């Protein structure tokens, strides 16, 4: 008989392949080699199983980068160059590879993306995680750019609200591309965004740091 942790891992793999709604409780029971009594001994209901899969495998996708953003901000905001903050506090924590390391397994991004999308429609908590994370991303990017303006590293004429909206939209575009082609390297794409950002927003005296601090941040 599989342990509860093994059942959750197995259920997550099944959900990745077929989605929450297309996997029946009986399929899970059969795959786990359980009786119905054994299943309900470990889980109060199918809803209980779904919630525990979400907490174990989906919540970290939103929670981990939010926590890493905040930690990097608190550790680096005093002295770090704005371009370095953009990488450490915004782009780097959001890499999908970081999430896979957190859960200890490699998974197809396309399958995971569609599972997230279904989860947002089916489970209020997933929709809540998504909304809170997007808010955190926007707030963090706004803080970094506002600080850059105060330090004279980011042009004062930059409309922060509109620029933040544009960068978040560009990130969404990268995710859409990765759904179509899982081989796309999101780190490479994020570096290119930061490179272009720095060309657009840096003050004249800081424009020579054309990489926006990416090389120094990841070297």
C-alpha atoms as a PDB file:
ATOM      1  CA  UNK A   1       0.000   0.000   0.000  1.00  0.00           C
ATOM      2  CA  UNK A   2       1.289   3.434  -0.920  1.00  0.00           C
ATOM      3  CA  UNK A   3       1.857   6.080   1.707  1.00  0.00           C
ATOM      4  CA  UNK A   4      -0.166   9.305   1.724  1.00  0.00           C
ATOM      5  CA  UNK A   5       2.798  11.180   0.258  1.00  0.00           C
ATOM      6  CA  UNK A   6       3.111   8.646  -2.544  1.00  0.00           C
ATOM      7  CA  UNK A   7      -0.614   8.911  -3.287  1.00  0.00           C
ATOM      8  CA  UNK A   8      -0.390  12.705  -3.485  1.00  0.00           C
ATOM      9  CA  UNK A   9       2.587  12.489  -5.837  1.00  0.00           C
ATOM     10  CA  UNK A  10       0.818   9.932  -7.994  1.00  0.00           C
ATOM     11  CA  UNK A  11      -2.406  11.970  -8.087  1.00  0.00           C
ATOM     12  CA  UNK A  12      -0.466  15.084  -9.095  1.00  0.00           C
ATOM     13  CA  UNK A  13       1.132  13.180 -11.979  1.00  0.00           C
ATOM     14  CA  UNK A  14      -2.305  11.985 -13.095  1.00  0.00           C
ATOM     15  CA  UNK A  15      -3.720  15.502 -12.871  1.00  0.00           C
ATOM     16  CA  UNK A  16      -0.818  16.835 -14.937  1.00  0.00           C
ATOM     17  CA  UNK A  17      -1.583  14.320 -17.646  1.00  0.00           C
ATOM     18  CA  UNK A  18      -5.378  14.609 -17.749  1.00  0.00           C
ATOM     19  CA  UNK A  19      -6.497  17.515 -15.544  1.00  0.00           C
ATOM     20  CA  UNK A  20      -8.380  17.521 -12.249  1.00  0.00           C
ATOM     21  CA  UNK A  21     -11.814  16.864 -13.727  1.00  0.00           C
ATOM     22  CA  UNK A  22     -10.816  14.017 -16.026  1.00  0.00           C
ATOM     23  CA  UNK A  23      -9.313  11.857 -13.277  1.00  0.00           C
ATOM     24  CA  UNK A  24     -11.890   9.968 -11.261  1.00  0.00           C
ATOM     25  CA  UNK A  25     -11.514   8.941  -7.656  1.00  0.00           C
ATOM     26  CA  UNK A  26     -11.803   5.296  -8.703  1.00  0.00           C
ATOM     27  CA  UNK A  27      -8.856   5.740 -11.090  1.00  0.00           C
ATOM     28  CA  UNK A  28      -6.752   7.108  -8.263  1.00  0.00           C
ATOM     29  CA  UNK A  29      -7.767   4.234  -6.008  1.00  0.00           C
ATOM     30  CA  UNK A  30      -6.881   1.669  -8.670  1.00  0.00           C
ATOM     31  CA  UNK A  31      -3.553   3.314  -9.541  1.00  0.00           C
ATOM     32  CA  UNK A  32      -2.585   3.459  -5.874  1.00  0.00           C
ATOM     33  CA  UNK A  33      -3.545  -0.162  -5.284  1.00  0.00           C
ATOM     34  CA  UNK A  34      -6.003   0.837  -2.560  1.00  0.00           C
ATOM     35  CA  UNK A  35      -9.420  -0.230  -1.474  1.00  0.00           C
ATOM     36  CA  UNK A  36     -12.059   2.466  -1.111  1.00  0.00           C
ATOM     37  CA  UNK A  37     -11.775   2.032   2.626  1.00  0.00           C
ATOM     38  CA  UNK A  38      -8.024   2.531   2.436  1.00  0.00           C
ATOM     39  CA  UNK A  39      -8.448   5.697   0.395  1.00  0.00           C
ATOM     40  CA  UNK A  40     -10.967   7.209   2.776  1.00  0.00           C
ATOM     41  CA  UNK A  41      -8.797   6.255   5.709  1.00  0.00           C
ATOM     42  CA  UNK A  42      -6.089   8.546   4.328  1.00  0.00           C
ATOM     43  CA  UNK A  43      -8.320  11.245   2.837  1.00  0.00           C
ATOM     44  CA  UNK A  44     -11.643  12.538   4.116  1.00  0.00           C
ATOM     45  CA  UNK A  45     -12.947  12.945   0.573  1.00  0.00           C
ATOM     46  CA  UNK A  46     -11.878  13.525  -3.008  1.00  0.00           C
ATOM     47  CA  UNK A  47     -12.010  17.249  -2.237  1.00  0.00           C
ATOM     48  CA  UNK A  48      -9.554  16.653   0.600  1.00  0.00           C
ATOM     49  CA  UNK A  49      -7.152  14.939  -1.808  1.00  0.00           C
ATOM     50  CA  UNK A  50      -7.456  17.772  -4.349  1.00  0.00           C
ATOM     51  CA  UNK A  51      -6.820  20.400  -1.685  1.00  0.00           C
ATOM     52  CA  UNK A  52      -3.735  18.601  -0.421  1.00  0.00           C
ATOM     53  CA  UNK A  53      -2.332  18.238  -3.947  1.00  0.00           C
ATOM     54  CA  UNK A  54      -2.905  21.965  -4.473  1.00  0.00           C
ATOM     55  CA  UNK A  55      -1.207  22.848  -1.208  1.00  0.00           C
ATOM     56  CA  UNK A  56       1.774  20.608  -1.887  1.00  0.00           C
ATOM     57  CA  UNK A  57       2.356  21.182  -5.599  1.00  0.00           C
ATOM     58  CA  UNK A  58       0.554  24.321  -6.775  1.00  0.00           C
ATOM     59  CA  UNK A  59       0.775  26.707  -3.838  1.00  0.00           C
ATOM     60  CA  UNK A  60       4.628  26.653  -3.914  1.00  0.00           C
ATOM     61  CA  UNK A  61       4.558  27.868  -7.524  1.00  0.00           C
ATOM     62  CA  UNK A  62       3.138  31.155  -6.238  1.00  0.00           C
ATOM     63  CA  UNK A  63       4.426  31.223  -2.666  1.00  0.00           C
ATOM     64  CA  UNK A  64       8.118  30.454  -3.215  1.00  0.00           C
ATOM     65  CA  UNK A  65       8.914  33.276  -5.672  1.00  0.00           C
ATOM     66  CA  UNK A  66       6.902  35.776  -3.621  1.00  0.00           C
ATOM     67  CA  UNK A  67       8.937  34.911  -0.537  1.00  0.00           C
ATOM     68  CA  UNK A  68      12.224  34.987  -2.472  1.00  0.00           C
ATOM     69  CA  UNK A  69      11.368  38.384  -3.943  1.00  0.00           C
ATOM     70  CA  UNK A  70      10.725  39.820  -0.503  1.00  0.00           C
ATOM     71  CA  UNK A  71      13.845  38.258   0.990  1.00  0.00           C
ATOM     72  CA  UNK A  72      16.073  39.536  -1.818  1.00  0.00           C
ATOM     73  CA  UNK A  73      14.530  42.999  -1.505  1.00  0.00           C
ATOM     74  CA  UNK A  74      15.166  43.153   2.223  1.00  0.00           C
ATOM     75  CA  UNK A  75      18.757  41.947   1.816  1.00  0.00           C
ATOM     76  CA  UNK A  76      19.758  44.066  -1.188  1.00  0.00           C
ATOM     77  CA  UNK A  77      17.661  47.220  -1.399  1.00  0.00           C
ATOM     78  CA  UNK A  78      20.007  49.345   0.732  1.00  0.00           C
ATOM     79  CA  UNK A  79      23.076  49.256  -1.491  1.00  0.00           C
ATOM     80  CA  UNK A  80      22.425  47.253  -4.669  1.00  0.00           C
ATOM     81  CA  UNK A  81      22.374  48.815  -8.121  1.00  0.00           C
ATOM     82  CA  UNK A  82      18.852  49.011  -9.550  1.00  0.00           C
ATOM     83  CA  UNK A  83      19.667  46.675 -12.422  1.00  0.00           C
ATOM     84  CA  UNK A  84      20.887  44.059  -9.976  1.00  0.00           C
ATOM     85  CA  UNK A  85      17.701  44.424  -7.945  1.00  0.00           C
ATOM     86  CA  UNK A  86      15.620  43.851 -11.067  1.00  0.00           C
ATOM     87  CA  UNK A  87      17.291  40.473 -11.473  1.00  0.00           C
ATOM     88  CA  UNK A  88      17.549  39.370  -7.845  1.00  0.00           C
ATOM     89  CA  UNK A  89      14.175  40.623  -6.628  1.00  0.00           C
ATOM     90  CA  UNK A  90      12.018  40.218  -9.711  1.00  0.00           C
ATOM     91  CA  UNK A  91      13.131  38.069 -12.635  1.00  0.00           C
ATOM     92  CA  UNK A  92      15.311  35.406 -11.032  1.00  0.00           C
ATOM     93  CA  UNK A  93      12.819  34.177  -8.393  1.00  0.00           C
ATOM     94  CA  UNK A  94      10.195  33.496 -11.065  1.00  0.00           C
ATOM     95  CA  UNK A  95      12.123  30.971 -13.127  1.00  0.00           C
ATOM     96  CA  UNK A  96      10.219  27.703 -13.591  1.00  0.00           C
ATOM     97  CA  UNK A  97      13.405  25.759 -12.858  1.00  0.00           C
ATOM     98  CA  UNK A  98      13.344  27.155  -9.327  1.00  0.00           C
ATOM     99  CA  UNK A  99       9.842  25.800  -8.787  1.00  0.00           C
ATOM    100  CA  UNK A 100      10.847  22.363 -10.079  1.00  0.00           C
ATOM    101  CA  UNK A 101      13.768  22.326  -7.662  1.00  0.00           C
ATOM    102  CA  UNK A 102      11.374  23.251  -4.844  1.00  0.00           C
ATOM    103  CA  UNK A 103       9.079  20.269  -5.476  1.00  0.00           C
ATOM    104  CA  UNK A 104      11.952  17.966  -6.400  1.00  0.00           C
ATOM    105  CA  UNK A 105      10.786  16.899  -9.847  1.00  0.00           C
ATOM    106  CA  UNK A 106      10.887  17.972 -13.473  1.00  0.00           C
ATOM    107  CA  UNK A 107       7.466  18.396 -15.031  1.00  0.00           C
ATOM    108  CA  UNK A 108       6.211  19.576 -18.438  1.00  0.00           C
ATOM    109  CA  UNK A 109       5.486  23.291 -18.236  1.00  0.00           C
ATOM    110  CA  UNK A 110       2.615  23.055 -20.718  1.00  0.00           C
ATOM    111  CA  UNK A 111       0.790  20.442 -18.626  1.00  0.00           C
ATOM    112  CA  UNK A 112       1.381  22.430 -15.456  1.00  0.00           C
ATOM    113  CA  UNK A 113       0.174  25.671 -17.026  1.00  0.00           C
ATOM    114  CA  UNK A 114      -3.104  24.079 -18.107  1.00  0.00           C
ATOM    115  CA  UNK A 115      -3.529  22.501 -14.679  1.00  0.00           C
ATOM    116  CA  UNK A 116      -3.072  25.940 -13.093  1.00  0.00           C
ATOM    117  CA  UNK A 117      -5.648  27.388 -15.490  1.00  0.00           C
ATOM    118  CA  UNK A 118      -8.158  24.655 -14.662  1.00  0.00           C
ATOM    119  CA  UNK A 119      -7.386  25.067 -10.968  1.00  0.00           C
ATOM    120  CA  UNK A 120      -8.152  28.798 -11.104  1.00  0.00           C
ATOM    121  CA  UNK A 121     -11.590  28.049 -12.528  1.00  0.00           C
ATOM    122  CA  UNK A 122     -12.335  25.115 -10.238  1.00  0.00           C
ATOM    123  CA  UNK A 123     -10.779  26.045  -6.894  1.00  0.00           C
ATOM    124  CA  UNK A 124     -11.123  29.516  -5.310  1.00  0.00           C
ATOM    125  CA  UNK A 125      -7.852  29.108  -3.429  1.00  0.00           C
ATOM    126  CA  UNK A 126      -5.876  28.685  -6.663  1.00  0.00           C
ATOM    127  CA  UNK A 127      -7.489  31.813  -8.099  1.00  0.00           C
ATOM    128  CA  UNK A 128      -6.572  33.577  -4.854  1.00  0.00           C
ATOM    129  CA  UNK A 129      -2.941  32.438  -5.087  1.00  0.00           C
ATOM    130  CA  UNK A 130      -2.754  33.703  -8.668  1.00  0.00           C
ATOM    131  CA  UNK A 131      -4.258  37.086  -7.851  1.00  0.00           C
ATOM    132  CA  UNK A 132      -2.057  37.631  -4.803  1.00  0.00           C
ATOM    133  CA  UNK A 133       1.092  36.666  -6.712  1.00  0.00           C
ATOM    134  CA  UNK A 134       0.359  39.003  -9.607  1.00  0.00           C
ATOM    135  CA  UNK A 135      -0.221  41.792  -7.120  1.00  0.00           C
ATOM    136  CA  UNK A 136       3.085  40.987  -5.417  1.00  0.00           C
ATOM    137  CA  UNK A 137       4.945  41.029  -8.744  1.00  0.00           C
ATOM    138  CA  UNK A 138       3.513  44.394  -9.664  1.00  0.00           C
ATOM    139  CA  UNK A 139       4.264  45.898  -6.266  1.00  0.00           C
ATOM    140  CA  UNK A 140       7.830  44.576  -6.257  1.00  0.00           C
ATOM    141  CA  UNK A 141       8.629  45.884  -9.734  1.00  0.00           C
ATOM    142  CA  UNK A 142       7.105  49.253  -8.865  1.00  0.00           C
ATOM    143  CA  UNK A 143       9.232  49.448  -5.693  1.00  0.00           C
ATOM    144  CA  UNK A 144      12.427  48.650  -7.563  1.00  0.00           C
ATOM    145  CA  UNK A 145      11.809  51.222 -10.277  1.00  0.00           C
ATOM    146  CA  UNK A 146      10.669  53.884  -7.827  1.00  0.00           C
ATOM    147  CA  UNK A 147      13.834  53.357  -5.790  1.00  0.00           C
ATOM    148  CA  UNK A 148      15.847  53.606  -9.009  1.00  0.00           C
ATOM    149  CA  UNK A 149      14.286  56.974  -9.736  1.00  0.00           C
ATOM    150  CA  UNK A 150      15.120  58.209  -6.252  1.00  0.00           C
ATOM    151  CA  UNK A 151      18.755  57.125  -6.704  1.00  0.00           C
ATOM    152  CA  UNK A 152      19.010  58.749 -10.132  1.00  0.00           C
ATOM    153  CA  UNK A 153      19.513  55.406 -11.902  1.00  0.00           C
ATOM    154  CA  UNK A 154      16.087  55.332 -13.578  1.00  0.00           C
ATOM    155  CA  UNK A 155      14.771  58.236 -15.593  1.00  0.00           C
ATOM    156  CA  UNK A 156      12.321  60.456 -13.720  1.00  0.00           C
ATOM    157  CA  UNK A 157      10.011  60.682 -16.725  1.00  0.00           C
ATOM    158  CA  UNK A 158       9.177  56.982 -16.600  1.00  0.00           C
ATOM    159  CA  UNK A 159       5.472  56.354 -15.969  1.00  0.00           C
ATOM    160  CA  UNK A 160       5.851  53.598 -13.388  1.00  0.00           C
ATOM    161  CA  UNK A 161       2.290  52.245 -13.447  1.00  0.00           C
ATOM    162  CA  UNK A 162       2.172  51.900 -17.222  1.00  0.00           C
ATOM    163  CA  UNK A 163       5.680  50.476 -17.412  1.00  0.00           C
ATOM    164  CA  UNK A 164       4.978  47.849 -14.758  1.00  0.00           C
ATOM    165  CA  UNK A 165       1.836  46.804 -16.645  1.00  0.00           C
ATOM    166  CA  UNK A 166       3.865  46.460 -19.847  1.00  0.00           C
ATOM    167  CA  UNK A 167       6.584  44.308 -18.243  1.00  0.00           C
ATOM    168  CA  UNK A 168       4.029  42.010 -16.624  1.00  0.00           C
ATOM    169  CA  UNK A 169       2.345  41.622 -20.024  1.00  0.00           C
ATOM    170  CA  UNK A 170       5.712  40.719 -21.572  1.00  0.00           C
ATOM    171  CA  UNK A 171       6.172  38.044 -18.918  1.00  0.00           C
ATOM    172  CA  UNK A 172       2.763  36.632 -19.750  1.00  0.00           C
ATOM    173  CA  UNK A 173       3.889  36.471 -23.371  1.00  0.00           C
ATOM    174  CA  UNK A 174       6.934  34.415 -22.406  1.00  0.00           C
ATOM    175  CA  UNK A 175       4.714  31.992 -20.494  1.00  0.00           C
ATOM    176  CA  UNK A 176       2.464  31.656 -23.541  1.00  0.00           C
ATOM    177  CA  UNK A 177       5.491  30.886 -25.724  1.00  0.00           C
ATOM    178  CA  UNK A 178       6.716  28.310 -23.215  1.00  0.00           C
ATOM    179  CA  UNK A 179       3.331  26.585 -23.377  1.00  0.00           C
ATOM    180  CA  UNK A 180       3.875  26.162 -27.117  1.00  0.00           C
ATOM    181  CA  UNK A 181       7.534  25.211 -26.788  1.00  0.00           C
ATOM    182  CA  UNK A 182       8.681  23.798 -23.449  1.00  0.00           C
ATOM    183  CA  UNK A 183      12.326  24.030 -24.548  1.00  0.00           C
ATOM    184  CA  UNK A 184      12.226  27.841 -24.291  1.00  0.00           C
ATOM    185  CA  UNK A 185      14.635  29.025 -21.607  1.00  0.00           C
ATOM    186  CA  UNK A 186      12.772  31.534 -19.457  1.00  0.00           C
ATOM    187  CA  UNK A 187      16.021  32.717 -17.838  1.00  0.00           C
ATOM    188  CA  UNK A 188      17.395  33.708 -21.235  1.00  0.00           C
ATOM    189  CA  UNK A 189      14.164  35.511 -22.108  1.00  0.00           C
ATOM    190  CA  UNK A 190      14.111  37.350 -18.784  1.00  0.00           C
ATOM    191  CA  UNK A 191      17.692  38.491 -19.318  1.00  0.00           C
ATOM    192  CA  UNK A 192      16.730  39.869 -22.717  1.00  0.00           C
ATOM    193  CA  UNK A 193      13.791  41.729 -21.211  1.00  0.00           C
ATOM    194  CA  UNK A 194      16.031  43.226 -18.549  1.00  0.00           C
ATOM    195  CA  UNK A 195      18.616  44.208 -21.163  1.00  0.00           C
ATOM    196  CA  UNK A 196      15.970  46.046 -23.173  1.00  0.00           C
ATOM    197  CA  UNK A 197      14.444  47.550 -20.052  1.00  0.00           C
ATOM    198  CA  UNK A 198      17.738  49.057 -19.030  1.00  0.00           C
ATOM    199  CA  UNK A 199      18.242  50.635 -22.432  1.00  0.00           C
ATOM    200  CA  UNK A 200      14.795  52.194 -22.112  1.00  0.00           C
ATOM    201  CA  UNK A 201      14.742  53.391 -18.508  1.00  0.00           C
ATOM    202  CA  UNK A 202      18.285  54.127 -17.345  1.00  0.00           C
ATOM    203  CA  UNK A 203      19.516  57.670 -16.915  1.00  0.00           C
ATOM    204  CA  UNK A 204      22.278  58.786 -19.267  1.00  0.00           C
ATOM    205  CA  UNK A 205      25.057  58.359 -16.709  1.00  0.00           C
ATOM    206  CA  UNK A 206      23.933  54.787 -15.999  1.00  0.00           C
ATOM    207  CA  UNK A 207      23.219  53.679 -19.559  1.00  0.00           C
ATOM    208  CA  UNK A 208      26.781  52.337 -19.906  1.00  0.00           C
ATOM    209  CA  UNK A 209      25.769  49.459 -17.629  1.00  0.00           C
ATOM    210  CA  UNK A 210      24.023  48.019 -20.624  1.00  0.00           C
ATOM    211  CA  UNK A 211      23.389  44.601 -19.113  1.00  0.00           C
ATOM    212  CA  UNK A 212      21.344  46.248 -16.359  1.00  0.00           C
ATOM    213  CA  UNK A 213      23.372  44.394 -13.768  1.00  0.00           C
ATOM    214  CA  UNK A 214      22.401  40.920 -14.992  1.00  0.00           C
ATOM    215  CA  UNK A 215      25.958  39.688 -15.525  1.00  0.00           C
ATOM    216  CA  UNK A 216      27.129  40.754 -12.105  1.00  0.00           C
ATOM    217  CA  UNK A 217      23.977  39.389 -10.489  1.00  0.00           C
ATOM    218  CA  UNK A 218      24.332  35.882 -11.896  1.00  0.00           C
ATOM    219  CA  UNK A 219      28.103  35.542 -12.177  1.00  0.00           C
END
